[in-house]
Amino acid sequence: METTYLSLGPRGRLQAQTGARAGVAVAPRAGQRADEAPQDQPIHLTPRQREVLSLLCAGLPNKLISRHLKIAGGTVKVHVASVLRALGASSRLEAVVLAARYGLDGEGAGGA
């Protein structure tokens, strides 16, 4: 079983790496195989949730996400909670790791 680790990549962005590299380990959830392919677990996000996820991956806090998207802070909280739920993540950090694993981070999370 491979373990996924986090490291800081270019421009201070978090990136997930698989293998025996130093970092913070992210264990698979109960009942989940560590080698499950992303296509085994379809993830359905609205275009707005993808925008929020992209900004989460960029490391923005809720306040800056709300300014960037021109929406209320409470609305950002709702979107973040929905993204966490859709990814099966229990924290923003775990959502970033899962987004990288499933190819949803960065420009891929922008929509279309």
PDB file of N, CA and C in Angstrom:
ATOM      1  N   MET A   1       0.849  -1.177   0.000  1.00  0.00           N
ATOM      2  CA  MET A   1       0.000   0.000   0.000  1.00  0.00           C
ATOM      3  C   MET A   1       0.892   1.238   0.000  1.00  0.00           C
ATOM      4  N   GLU A   2       0.612   2.179  -0.894  1.00  0.00           N
ATOM      5  CA  GLU A   2       1.365   3.416  -0.971  1.00  0.00           C
ATOM      6  C   GLU A   2       0.733   4.458  -0.071  1.00  0.00           C
ATOM      7  N   THR A   3       1.547   5.354   0.430  1.00  0.00           N
ATOM      8  CA  THR A   3       1.077   6.431   1.284  1.00  0.00           C
ATOM      9  C   THR A   3       1.231   7.743   0.553  1.00  0.00           C
ATOM     10  N   THR A   4       0.273   8.634   0.715  1.00  0.00           N
ATOM     11  CA  THR A   4       0.342   9.947   0.090  1.00  0.00           C
ATOM     12  C   THR A   4       0.873  10.943   1.100  1.00  0.00           C
ATOM     13  N   TYR A   5       1.835  11.752   0.661  1.00  0.00           N
ATOM     14  CA  TYR A   5       2.443  12.757   1.513  1.00  0.00           C
ATOM     15  C   TYR A   5       2.220  14.139   0.928  1.00  0.00           C
ATOM     16  N   LEU A   6       2.247  15.132   1.785  1.00  0.00           N
ATOM     17  CA  LEU A   6       2.119  16.522   1.356  1.00  0.00           C
ATOM     18  C   LEU A   6       3.476  17.183   1.380  1.00  0.00           C
ATOM     19  N   SER A   7       3.685  18.063   0.422  1.00  0.00           N
ATOM     20  CA  SER A   7       4.888  18.889   0.442  1.00  0.00           C
ATOM     21  C   SER A   7       4.540  20.234  -0.162  1.00  0.00           C
ATOM     22  N   LEU A   8       5.374  21.210   0.075  1.00  0.00           N
ATOM     23  CA  LEU A   8       5.175  22.522  -0.530  1.00  0.00           C
ATOM     24  C   LEU A   8       5.856  22.544  -1.890  1.00  0.00           C
ATOM     25  N   GLY A   9       5.090  22.853  -2.890  1.00  0.00           N
ATOM     26  CA  GLY A   9       5.610  22.922  -4.245  1.00  0.00           C
ATOM     27  C   GLY A   9       5.943  24.341  -4.622  1.00  0.00           C
ATOM     28  N   PRO A  10       6.043  24.583  -5.933  1.00  0.00           N
ATOM     29  CA  PRO A  10       6.347  25.931  -6.405  1.00  0.00           C
ATOM     30  C   PRO A  10       5.330  26.942  -5.893  1.00  0.00           C
ATOM     31  N   ARG A  11       5.780  28.104  -5.550  1.00  0.00           N
ATOM     32  CA  ARG A  11       4.947  29.196  -5.062  1.00  0.00           C
ATOM     33  C   ARG A  11       4.196  28.834  -3.779  1.00  0.00           C
ATOM     34  N   GLY A  12       4.724  27.906  -3.011  1.00  0.00           N
ATOM     35  CA  GLY A  12       4.147  27.598  -1.712  1.00  0.00           C
ATOM     36  C   GLY A  12       2.857  26.799  -1.748  1.00  0.00           C
ATOM     37  N   ARG A  13       2.497  26.233  -2.896  1.00  0.00           N
ATOM     38  CA  ARG A  13       1.257  25.452  -2.985  1.00  0.00           C
ATOM     39  C   ARG A  13       1.495  24.043  -2.476  1.00  0.00           C
ATOM     40  N   LEU A  14       0.504  23.494  -1.788  1.00  0.00           N
ATOM     41  CA  LEU A  14       0.600  22.127  -1.314  1.00  0.00           C
ATOM     42  C   LEU A  14       0.452  21.178  -2.489  1.00  0.00           C
ATOM     43  N   GLN A  15       1.224  20.103  -2.464  1.00  0.00           N
ATOM     44  CA  GLN A  15       1.051  19.096  -3.485  1.00  0.00           C
ATOM     45  C   GLN A  15       1.156  17.729  -2.830  1.00  0.00           C
ATOM     46  N   ALA A  16       0.430  16.777  -3.371  1.00  0.00           N
ATOM     47  CA  ALA A  16       0.443  15.423  -2.843  1.00  0.00           C
ATOM     48  C   ALA A  16       1.480  14.615  -3.616  1.00  0.00           C
ATOM     49  N   GLN A  17       2.213  13.768  -2.893  1.00  0.00           N
ATOM     50  CA  GLN A  17       3.178  12.881  -3.517  1.00  0.00           C
ATOM     51  C   GLN A  17       2.951  11.492  -2.974  1.00  0.00           C
ATOM     52  N   THR A  18       3.158  10.499  -3.826  1.00  0.00           N
ATOM     53  CA  THR A  18       2.976   9.124  -3.409  1.00  0.00           C
ATOM     54  C   THR A  18       4.346   8.471  -3.284  1.00  0.00           C
ATOM     55  N   GLY A  19       4.528   7.670  -2.248  1.00  0.00           N
ATOM     56  CA  GLY A  19       5.786   6.971  -2.062  1.00  0.00           C
ATOM     57  C   GLY A  19       6.335   7.194  -0.676  1.00  0.00           C
ATOM     58  N   ALA A  20       7.624   6.984  -0.538  1.00  0.00           N
ATOM     59  CA  ALA A  20       8.249   7.027   0.773  1.00  0.00           C
ATOM     60  C   ALA A  20       8.943   8.358   1.028  1.00  0.00           C
ATOM     61  N   ARG A  21       8.376   9.459   0.585  1.00  0.00           N
ATOM     62  CA  ARG A  21       8.968  10.777   0.802  1.00  0.00           C
ATOM     63  C   ARG A  21       8.506  11.326   2.144  1.00  0.00           C
ATOM     64  N   ALA A  22       9.296  12.195   2.723  1.00  0.00           N
ATOM     65  CA  ALA A  22       8.957  12.785   4.019  1.00  0.00           C
ATOM     66  C   ALA A  22       7.802  13.747   3.864  1.00  0.00           C
ATOM     67  N   GLY A  23       6.946  13.808   4.860  1.00  0.00           N
ATOM     68  CA  GLY A  23       5.819  14.721   4.828  1.00  0.00           C
ATOM     69  C   GLY A  23       4.740  14.274   5.783  1.00  0.00           C
ATOM     70  N   VAL A  24       3.536  14.719   5.545  1.00  0.00           N
ATOM     71  CA  VAL A  24       2.393  14.382   6.381  1.00  0.00           C
ATOM     72  C   VAL A  24       1.607  13.286   5.687  1.00  0.00           C
ATOM     73  N   ALA A  25       1.446  12.165   6.334  1.00  0.00           N
ATOM     74  CA  ALA A  25       0.731  11.048   5.719  1.00  0.00           C
ATOM     75  C   ALA A  25      -0.769  11.278   5.768  1.00  0.00           C
ATOM     76  N   VAL A  26      -1.437  10.882   4.699  1.00  0.00           N
ATOM     77  CA  VAL A  26      -2.892  10.941   4.644  1.00  0.00           C
ATOM     78  C   VAL A  26      -3.379   9.518   4.463  1.00  0.00           C
ATOM     79  N   ALA A  27      -3.986   8.967   5.491  1.00  0.00           N
ATOM     80  CA  ALA A  27      -4.428   7.576   5.454  1.00  0.00           C
ATOM     81  C   ALA A  27      -5.752   7.457   4.726  1.00  0.00           C
ATOM     82  N   PRO A  28      -5.997   6.313   4.071  1.00  0.00           N
ATOM     83  CA  PRO A  28      -7.293   6.114   3.427  1.00  0.00           C
ATOM     84  C   PRO A  28      -8.410   6.021   4.459  1.00  0.00           C
ATOM     85  N   ARG A  29      -9.607   6.374   4.056  1.00  0.00           N
ATOM     86  CA  ARG A  29     -10.763   6.297   4.951  1.00  0.00           C
ATOM     87  C   ARG A  29     -11.146   4.835   5.175  1.00  0.00           C
ATOM     88  N   ALA A  30     -11.864   4.571   6.245  1.00  0.00           N
ATOM     89  CA  ALA A  30     -12.313   3.224   6.552  1.00  0.00           C
ATOM     90  C   ALA A  30     -13.105   2.665   5.377  1.00  0.00           C
ATOM     91  N   GLY A  31     -12.786   1.451   4.973  1.00  0.00           N
ATOM     92  CA  GLY A  31     -13.486   0.815   3.865  1.00  0.00           C
ATOM     93  C   GLY A  31     -13.003   1.273   2.500  1.00  0.00           C
ATOM     94  N   GLN A  32     -11.984   2.101   2.439  1.00  0.00           N
ATOM     95  CA  GLN A  32     -11.485   2.625   1.169  1.00  0.00           C
ATOM     96  C   GLN A  32     -10.096   2.057   0.921  1.00  0.00           C
ATOM     97  N   ARG A  33      -9.892   1.524  -0.279  1.00  0.00           N
ATOM     98  CA  ARG A  33      -8.580   1.032  -0.663  1.00  0.00           C
ATOM     99  C   ARG A  33      -7.708   2.219  -1.047  1.00  0.00           C
ATOM    100  N   ALA A  34      -6.466   2.188  -0.654  1.00  0.00           N
ATOM    101  CA  ALA A  34      -5.554   3.293  -0.957  1.00  0.00           C
ATOM    102  C   ALA A  34      -5.266   3.394  -2.448  1.00  0.00           C
ATOM    103  N   ASP A  35      -5.452   2.289  -3.187  1.00  0.00           N
ATOM    104  CA  ASP A  35      -5.137   2.302  -4.610  1.00  0.00           C
ATOM    105  C   ASP A  35      -6.358   2.523  -5.494  1.00  0.00           C
ATOM    106  N   GLU A  36      -7.494   2.935  -4.909  1.00  0.00           N
ATOM    107  CA  GLU A  36      -8.684   3.184  -5.708  1.00  0.00           C
ATOM    108  C   GLU A  36      -8.433   4.309  -6.694  1.00  0.00           C
ATOM    109  N   ALA A  37      -8.823   4.092  -7.923  1.00  0.00           N
ATOM    110  CA  ALA A  37      -8.659   5.112  -8.952  1.00  0.00           C
ATOM    111  C   ALA A  37      -9.758   6.155  -8.802  1.00  0.00           C
ATOM    112  N   PRO A  38      -9.485   7.401  -9.200  1.00  0.00           N
ATOM    113  CA  PRO A  38     -10.497   8.443  -9.095  1.00  0.00           C
ATOM    114  C   PRO A  38     -11.786   8.078  -9.814  1.00  0.00           C
ATOM    115  N   GLN A  39     -11.694   7.365 -10.958  1.00  0.00           N
ATOM    116  CA  GLN A  39     -12.905   7.030 -11.681  1.00  0.00           C
ATOM    117  C   GLN A  39     -13.767   6.019 -10.936  1.00  0.00           C
ATOM    118  N   ASP A  40     -13.191   5.348  -9.908  1.00  0.00           N
ATOM    119  CA  ASP A  40     -13.976   4.434  -9.087  1.00  0.00           C
ATOM    120  C   ASP A  40     -14.905   5.184  -8.151  1.00  0.00           C
ATOM    121  N   GLN A  41     -14.627   6.466  -7.928  1.00  0.00           N
ATOM    122  CA  GLN A  41     -15.423   7.284  -7.022  1.00  0.00           C
ATOM    123  C   GLN A  41     -15.797   8.576  -7.730  1.00  0.00           C
ATOM    124  N   PRO A  42     -16.909   8.580  -8.466  1.00  0.00           N
ATOM    125  CA  PRO A  42     -17.276   9.811  -9.164  1.00  0.00           C
ATOM    126  C   PRO A  42     -17.539  10.945  -8.181  1.00  0.00           C
ATOM    127  N   ILE A  43     -17.017  12.114  -8.498  1.00  0.00           N
ATOM    128  CA  ILE A  43     -17.183  13.286  -7.651  1.00  0.00           C
ATOM    129  C   ILE A  43     -17.977  14.311  -8.431  1.00  0.00           C
ATOM    130  N   HIS A  44     -19.119  14.693  -7.892  1.00  0.00           N
ATOM    131  CA  HIS A  44     -19.991  15.642  -8.563  1.00  0.00           C
ATOM    132  C   HIS A  44     -19.932  16.982  -7.848  1.00  0.00           C
ATOM    133  N   LEU A  45     -19.385  17.982  -8.521  1.00  0.00           N
ATOM    134  CA  LEU A  45     -19.309  19.333  -7.978  1.00  0.00           C
ATOM    135  C   LEU A  45     -19.956  20.291  -8.964  1.00  0.00           C
ATOM    136  N   THR A  46     -20.656  21.274  -8.422  1.00  0.00           N
ATOM    137  CA  THR A  46     -21.224  22.312  -9.269  1.00  0.00           C
ATOM    138  C   THR A  46     -20.081  23.205  -9.767  1.00  0.00           C
ATOM    139  N   PRO A  47     -20.325  23.992 -10.809  1.00  0.00           N
ATOM    140  CA  PRO A  47     -19.275  24.911 -11.262  1.00  0.00           C
ATOM    141  C   PRO A  47     -18.795  25.845 -10.148  1.00  0.00           C
ATOM    142  N   ARG A  48     -19.705  26.343  -9.312  1.00  0.00           N
ATOM    143  CA  ARG A  48     -19.307  27.233  -8.218  1.00  0.00           C
ATOM    144  C   ARG A  48     -18.469  26.480  -7.194  1.00  0.00           C
ATOM    145  N   GLN A  49     -18.831  25.231  -6.896  1.00  0.00           N
ATOM    146  CA  GLN A  49     -18.043  24.437  -5.956  1.00  0.00           C
ATOM    147  C   GLN A  49     -16.650  24.183  -6.512  1.00  0.00           C
ATOM    148  N   ARG A  50     -16.535  24.012  -7.817  1.00  0.00           N
ATOM    149  CA  ARG A  50     -15.224  23.830  -8.443  1.00  0.00           C
ATOM    150  C   ARG A  50     -14.389  25.107  -8.319  1.00  0.00           C
ATOM    151  N   GLU A  51     -15.042  26.252  -8.458  1.00  0.00           N
ATOM    152  CA  GLU A  51     -14.322  27.521  -8.273  1.00  0.00           C
ATOM    153  C   GLU A  51     -13.810  27.638  -6.846  1.00  0.00           C
ATOM    154  N   VAL A  52     -14.672  27.317  -5.882  1.00  0.00           N
ATOM    155  CA  VAL A  52     -14.289  27.385  -4.469  1.00  0.00           C
ATOM    156  C   VAL A  52     -13.147  26.406  -4.195  1.00  0.00           C
ATOM    157  N   LEU A  53     -13.241  25.200  -4.726  1.00  0.00           N
ATOM    158  CA  LEU A  53     -12.180  24.214  -4.535  1.00  0.00           C
ATOM    159  C   LEU A  53     -10.866  24.703  -5.128  1.00  0.00           C
ATOM    160  N   SER A  54     -10.915  25.302  -6.282  1.00  0.00           N
ATOM    161  CA  SER A  54      -9.708  25.840  -6.904  1.00  0.00           C
ATOM    162  C   SER A  54      -9.050  26.896  -6.006  1.00  0.00           C
ATOM    163  N   LEU A  55      -9.869  27.748  -5.416  1.00  0.00           N
ATOM    164  CA  LEU A  55      -9.348  28.782  -4.526  1.00  0.00           C
ATOM    165  C   LEU A  55      -8.849  28.193  -3.211  1.00  0.00           C
ATOM    166  N   LEU A  56      -9.497  27.117  -2.737  1.00  0.00           N
ATOM    167  CA  LEU A  56      -8.989  26.402  -1.558  1.00  0.00           C
ATOM    168  C   LEU A  56      -7.605  25.841  -1.855  1.00  0.00           C
ATOM    169  N   CYS A  57      -7.457  25.258  -3.051  1.00  0.00           N
ATOM    170  CA  CYS A  57      -6.166  24.686  -3.441  1.00  0.00           C
ATOM    171  C   CYS A  57      -5.088  25.756  -3.552  1.00  0.00           C
ATOM    172  N   ALA A  58      -5.497  26.972  -3.849  1.00  0.00           N
ATOM    173  CA  ALA A  58      -4.551  28.087  -3.907  1.00  0.00           C
ATOM    174  C   ALA A  58      -4.213  28.610  -2.518  1.00  0.00           C
ATOM    175  N   GLY A  59      -4.890  28.094  -1.491  1.00  0.00           N
ATOM    176  CA  GLY A  59      -4.584  28.471  -0.118  1.00  0.00           C
ATOM    177  C   GLY A  59      -5.331  29.673   0.408  1.00  0.00           C
ATOM    178  N   LEU A  60      -6.380  30.110  -0.300  1.00  0.00           N
ATOM    179  CA  LEU A  60      -7.124  31.295   0.138  1.00  0.00           C
ATOM    180  C   LEU A  60      -8.053  30.979   1.306  1.00  0.00           C
ATOM    181  N   PRO A  61      -8.137  31.868   2.290  1.00  0.00           N
ATOM    182  CA  PRO A  61      -9.123  31.709   3.368  1.00  0.00           C
ATOM    183  C   PRO A  61     -10.508  32.129   2.870  1.00  0.00           C
ATOM    184  N   ASN A  62     -11.535  31.802   3.634  1.00  0.00           N
ATOM    185  CA  ASN A  62     -12.913  32.102   3.241  1.00  0.00           C
ATOM    186  C   ASN A  62     -13.128  33.571   2.891  1.00  0.00           C
ATOM    187  N   LYS A  63     -12.524  34.457   3.671  1.00  0.00           N
ATOM    188  CA  LYS A  63     -12.739  35.887   3.446  1.00  0.00           C
ATOM    189  C   LYS A  63     -12.259  36.305   2.054  1.00  0.00           C
ATOM    190  N   LEU A  64     -11.096  35.814   1.653  1.00  0.00           N
ATOM    191  CA  LEU A  64     -10.580  36.164   0.329  1.00  0.00           C
ATOM    192  C   LEU A  64     -11.345  35.447  -0.789  1.00  0.00           C
ATOM    193  N   ILE A  65     -11.821  34.245  -0.503  1.00  0.00           N
ATOM    194  CA  ILE A  65     -12.655  33.549  -1.488  1.00  0.00           C
ATOM    195  C   ILE A  65     -13.931  34.344  -1.727  1.00  0.00           C
ATOM    196  N   SER A  66     -14.524  34.845  -0.647  1.00  0.00           N
ATOM    197  CA  SER A  66     -15.767  35.613  -0.798  1.00  0.00           C
ATOM    198  C   SER A  66     -15.528  36.893  -1.596  1.00  0.00           C
ATOM    199  N   ARG A  67     -14.401  37.548  -1.361  1.00  0.00           N
ATOM    200  CA  ARG A  67     -14.086  38.758  -2.125  1.00  0.00           C
ATOM    201  C   ARG A  67     -13.844  38.436  -3.593  1.00  0.00           C
ATOM    202  N   HIS A  68     -13.091  37.377  -3.839  1.00  0.00           N
ATOM    203  CA  HIS A  68     -12.761  36.994  -5.207  1.00  0.00           C
ATOM    204  C   HIS A  68     -14.019  36.628  -6.010  1.00  0.00           C
ATOM    205  N   LEU A  69     -14.932  35.895  -5.381  1.00  0.00           N
ATOM    206  CA  LEU A  69     -16.142  35.444  -6.074  1.00  0.00           C
ATOM    207  C   LEU A  69     -17.308  36.416  -5.923  1.00  0.00           C
ATOM    208  N   LYS A  70     -17.105  37.466  -5.108  1.00  0.00           N
ATOM    209  CA  LYS A  70     -18.148  38.459  -4.855  1.00  0.00           C
ATOM    210  C   LYS A  70     -19.426  37.819  -4.302  1.00  0.00           C
ATOM    211  N   ILE A  71     -19.232  36.991  -3.269  1.00  0.00           N
ATOM    212  CA  ILE A  71     -20.349  36.367  -2.570  1.00  0.00           C
ATOM    213  C   ILE A  71     -20.134  36.540  -1.068  1.00  0.00           C
ATOM    214  N   ALA A  72     -21.183  36.331  -0.292  1.00  0.00           N
ATOM    215  CA  ALA A  72     -21.114  36.501   1.162  1.00  0.00           C
ATOM    216  C   ALA A  72     -20.247  35.415   1.804  1.00  0.00           C
ATOM    217  N   GLY A  73     -19.647  35.766   2.949  1.00  0.00           N
ATOM    218  CA  GLY A  73     -18.827  34.816   3.685  1.00  0.00           C
ATOM    219  C   GLY A  73     -19.585  33.565   4.095  1.00  0.00           C
ATOM    220  N   GLY A  74     -20.850  33.735   4.472  1.00  0.00           N
ATOM    221  CA  GLY A  74     -21.675  32.580   4.838  1.00  0.00           C
ATOM    222  C   GLY A  74     -21.904  31.640   3.664  1.00  0.00           C
ATOM    223  N   THR A  75     -22.024  32.224   2.480  1.00  0.00           N
ATOM    224  CA  THR A  75     -22.204  31.414   1.271  1.00  0.00           C
ATOM    225  C   THR A  75     -20.940  30.615   0.985  1.00  0.00           C
ATOM    226  N   VAL A  76     -19.782  31.223   1.220  1.00  0.00           N
ATOM    227  CA  VAL A  76     -18.519  30.505   1.046  1.00  0.00           C
ATOM    228  C   VAL A  76     -18.463  29.318   1.996  1.00  0.00           C
ATOM    229  N   LYS A  77     -18.866  29.532   3.250  1.00  0.00           N
ATOM    230  CA  LYS A  77     -18.868  28.437   4.226  1.00  0.00           C
ATOM    231  C   LYS A  77     -19.733  27.280   3.753  1.00  0.00           C
ATOM    232  N   VAL A  78     -20.891  27.591   3.181  1.00  0.00           N
ATOM    233  CA  VAL A  78     -21.793  26.551   2.671  1.00  0.00           C
ATOM    234  C   VAL A  78     -21.122  25.797   1.525  1.00  0.00           C
ATOM    235  N   HIS A  79     -20.488  26.539   0.601  1.00  0.00           N
ATOM    236  CA  HIS A  79     -19.811  25.890  -0.520  1.00  0.00           C
ATOM    237  C   HIS A  79     -18.639  25.030  -0.052  1.00  0.00           C
ATOM    238  N   VAL A  80     -17.860  25.539   0.899  1.00  0.00           N
ATOM    239  CA  VAL A  80     -16.730  24.768   1.418  1.00  0.00           C
ATOM    240  C   VAL A  80     -17.233  23.482   2.066  1.00  0.00           C
ATOM    241  N   ALA A  81     -18.289  23.577   2.865  1.00  0.00           N
ATOM    242  CA  ALA A  81     -18.855  22.386   3.500  1.00  0.00           C
ATOM    243  C   ALA A  81     -19.339  21.378   2.455  1.00  0.00           C
ATOM    244  N   SER A  82     -19.945  21.871   1.374  1.00  0.00           N
ATOM    245  CA  SER A  82     -20.421  20.988   0.303  1.00  0.00           C
ATOM    246  C   SER A  82     -19.265  20.301  -0.412  1.00  0.00           C
ATOM    247  N   VAL A  83     -18.188  21.046  -0.633  1.00  0.00           N
ATOM    248  CA  VAL A  83     -17.006  20.474  -1.282  1.00  0.00           C
ATOM    249  C   VAL A  83     -16.398  19.395  -0.390  1.00  0.00           C
ATOM    250  N   LEU A  84     -16.259  19.687   0.900  1.00  0.00           N
ATOM    251  CA  LEU A  84     -15.706  18.700   1.833  1.00  0.00           C
ATOM    252  C   LEU A  84     -16.562  17.438   1.834  1.00  0.00           C
ATOM    253  N   ARG A  85     -17.864  17.612   1.869  1.00  0.00           N
ATOM    254  CA  ARG A  85     -18.780  16.473   1.875  1.00  0.00           C
ATOM    255  C   ARG A  85     -18.650  15.663   0.584  1.00  0.00           C
ATOM    256  N   ALA A  86     -18.604  16.344  -0.565  1.00  0.00           N
ATOM    257  CA  ALA A  86     -18.512  15.658  -1.860  1.00  0.00           C
ATOM    258  C   ALA A  86     -17.214  14.864  -1.992  1.00  0.00           C
ATOM    259  N   LEU A  87     -16.134  15.404  -1.435  1.00  0.00           N
ATOM    260  CA  LEU A  87     -14.837  14.727  -1.507  1.00  0.00           C
ATOM    261  C   LEU A  87     -14.657  13.698  -0.398  1.00  0.00           C
ATOM    262  N   GLY A  88     -15.527  13.737   0.607  1.00  0.00           N
ATOM    263  CA  GLY A  88     -15.373  12.846   1.746  1.00  0.00           C
ATOM    264  C   GLY A  88     -14.242  13.289   2.649  1.00  0.00           C
ATOM    265  N   ALA A  89     -13.958  14.588   2.647  1.00  0.00           N
ATOM    266  CA  ALA A  89     -12.852  15.140   3.435  1.00  0.00           C
ATOM    267  C   ALA A  89     -13.364  15.686   4.758  1.00  0.00           C
ATOM    268  N   SER A  90     -12.513  15.646   5.768  1.00  0.00           N
ATOM    269  CA  SER A  90     -12.899  16.177   7.073  1.00  0.00           C
ATOM    270  C   SER A  90     -12.227  17.516   7.370  1.00  0.00           C
ATOM    271  N   SER A  91     -11.366  17.982   6.453  1.00  0.00           N
ATOM    272  CA  SER A  91     -10.706  19.272   6.648  1.00  0.00           C
ATOM    273  C   SER A  91     -10.372  19.878   5.288  1.00  0.00           C
ATOM    274  N   ARG A  92     -10.043  21.158   5.313  1.00  0.00           N
ATOM    275  CA  ARG A  92      -9.647  21.842   4.077  1.00  0.00           C
ATOM    276  C   ARG A  92      -8.370  21.220   3.517  1.00  0.00           C
ATOM    277  N   LEU A  93      -7.434  20.897   4.392  1.00  0.00           N
ATOM    278  CA  LEU A  93      -6.178  20.294   3.964  1.00  0.00           C
ATOM    279  C   LEU A  93      -6.430  18.959   3.264  1.00  0.00           C
ATOM    280  N   GLU A  94      -7.282  18.139   3.843  1.00  0.00           N
ATOM    281  CA  GLU A  94      -7.597  16.848   3.230  1.00  0.00           C
ATOM    282  C   GLU A  94      -8.291  17.056   1.881  1.00  0.00           C
ATOM    283  N   ALA A  95      -9.125  18.081   1.776  1.00  0.00           N
ATOM    284  CA  ALA A  95      -9.787  18.381   0.499  1.00  0.00           C
ATOM    285  C   ALA A  95      -8.755  18.740  -0.566  1.00  0.00           C
ATOM    286  N   VAL A  96      -7.725  19.508  -0.193  1.00  0.00           N
ATOM    287  CA  VAL A  96      -6.665  19.876  -1.136  1.00  0.00           C
ATOM    288  C   VAL A  96      -5.921  18.628  -1.606  1.00  0.00           C
ATOM    289  N   VAL A  97      -5.608  17.736  -0.672  1.00  0.00           N
ATOM    290  CA  VAL A  97      -4.904  16.498  -1.022  1.00  0.00           C
ATOM    291  C   VAL A  97      -5.752  15.659  -1.974  1.00  0.00           C
ATOM    292  N   LEU A  98      -7.031  15.507  -1.648  1.00  0.00           N
ATOM    293  CA  LEU A  98      -7.914  14.709  -2.499  1.00  0.00           C
ATOM    294  C   LEU A  98      -8.115  15.360  -3.860  1.00  0.00           C
ATOM    295  N   ALA A  99      -8.203  16.679  -3.893  1.00  0.00           N
ATOM    296  CA  ALA A  99      -8.337  17.380  -5.173  1.00  0.00           C
ATOM    297  C   ALA A  99      -7.116  17.105  -6.051  1.00  0.00           C
ATOM    298  N   ALA A 100      -5.927  17.120  -5.458  1.00  0.00           N
ATOM    299  CA  ALA A 100      -4.707  16.818  -6.220  1.00  0.00           C
ATOM    300  C   ALA A 100      -4.725  15.372  -6.694  1.00  0.00           C
ATOM    301  N   ARG A 101      -5.159  14.468  -5.828  1.00  0.00           N
ATOM    302  CA  ARG A 101      -5.195  13.040  -6.184  1.00  0.00           C
ATOM    303  C   ARG A 101      -6.168  12.793  -7.341  1.00  0.00           C
ATOM    304  N   TYR A 102      -7.294  13.482  -7.324  1.00  0.00           N
ATOM    305  CA  TYR A 102      -8.323  13.258  -8.347  1.00  0.00           C
ATOM    306  C   TYR A 102      -8.188  14.198  -9.537  1.00  0.00           C
ATOM    307  N   GLY A 103      -7.151  15.042  -9.530  1.00  0.00           N
ATOM    308  CA  GLY A 103      -6.948  15.951 -10.655  1.00  0.00           C
ATOM    309  C   GLY A 103      -7.929  17.096 -10.701  1.00  0.00           C
ATOM    310  N   LEU A 104      -8.466  17.488  -9.544  1.00  0.00           N
ATOM    311  CA  LEU A 104      -9.449  18.576  -9.478  1.00  0.00           C
ATOM    312  C   LEU A 104      -8.840  19.894  -9.045  1.00  0.00           C
ATOM    313  N   ASP A 105      -7.566  19.908  -8.714  1.00  0.00           N
ATOM    314  CA  ASP A 105      -6.942  21.134  -8.225  1.00  0.00           C
ATOM    315  C   ASP A 105      -6.505  22.017  -9.374  1.00  0.00           C
ATOM    316  N   GLY A 106      -6.180  23.251  -9.044  1.00  0.00           N
ATOM    317  CA  GLY A 106      -5.666  24.195 -10.037  1.00  0.00           C
ATOM    318  C   GLY A 106      -6.651  24.484 -11.145  1.00  0.00           C
ATOM    319  N   GLU A 107      -6.177  24.504 -12.382  1.00  0.00           N
ATOM    320  CA  GLU A 107      -7.012  24.872 -13.506  1.00  0.00           C
ATOM    321  C   GLU A 107      -8.083  23.842 -13.794  1.00  0.00           C
ATOM    322  N   GLY A 108      -7.842  22.575 -13.436  1.00  0.00           N
ATOM    323  CA  GLY A 108      -8.838  21.542 -13.664  1.00  0.00           C
ATOM    324  C   GLY A 108     -10.094  21.755 -12.839  1.00  0.00           C
ATOM    325  N   ALA A 109      -9.980  22.464 -11.723  1.00  0.00           N
ATOM    326  CA  ALA A 109     -11.127  22.693 -10.865  1.00  0.00           C
ATOM    327  C   ALA A 109     -11.934  23.910 -11.309  1.00  0.00           C
ATOM    328  N   GLY A 110     -11.429  24.609 -12.308  1.00  0.00           N
ATOM    329  CA  GLY A 110     -12.060  25.845 -12.741  1.00  0.00           C
ATOM    330  C   GLY A 110     -13.372  25.689 -13.461  1.00  0.00           C
ATOM    331  N   GLY A 111     -13.686  24.468 -13.886  1.00  0.00           N
ATOM    332  CA  GLY A 111     -14.995  24.274 -14.492  1.00  0.00           C
ATOM    333  C   GLY A 111     -14.929  23.805 -15.916  1.00  0.00           C
ATOM    334  N   ALA A 112     -16.061  24.002 -16.632  1.00  0.00           N
ATOM    335  CA  ALA A 112     -16.295  23.572 -18.006  1.00  0.00           C
ATOM    336  C   ALA A 112     -16.537  22.133 -17.994  1.00  0.00           C
TER     337      ALA A 112
END
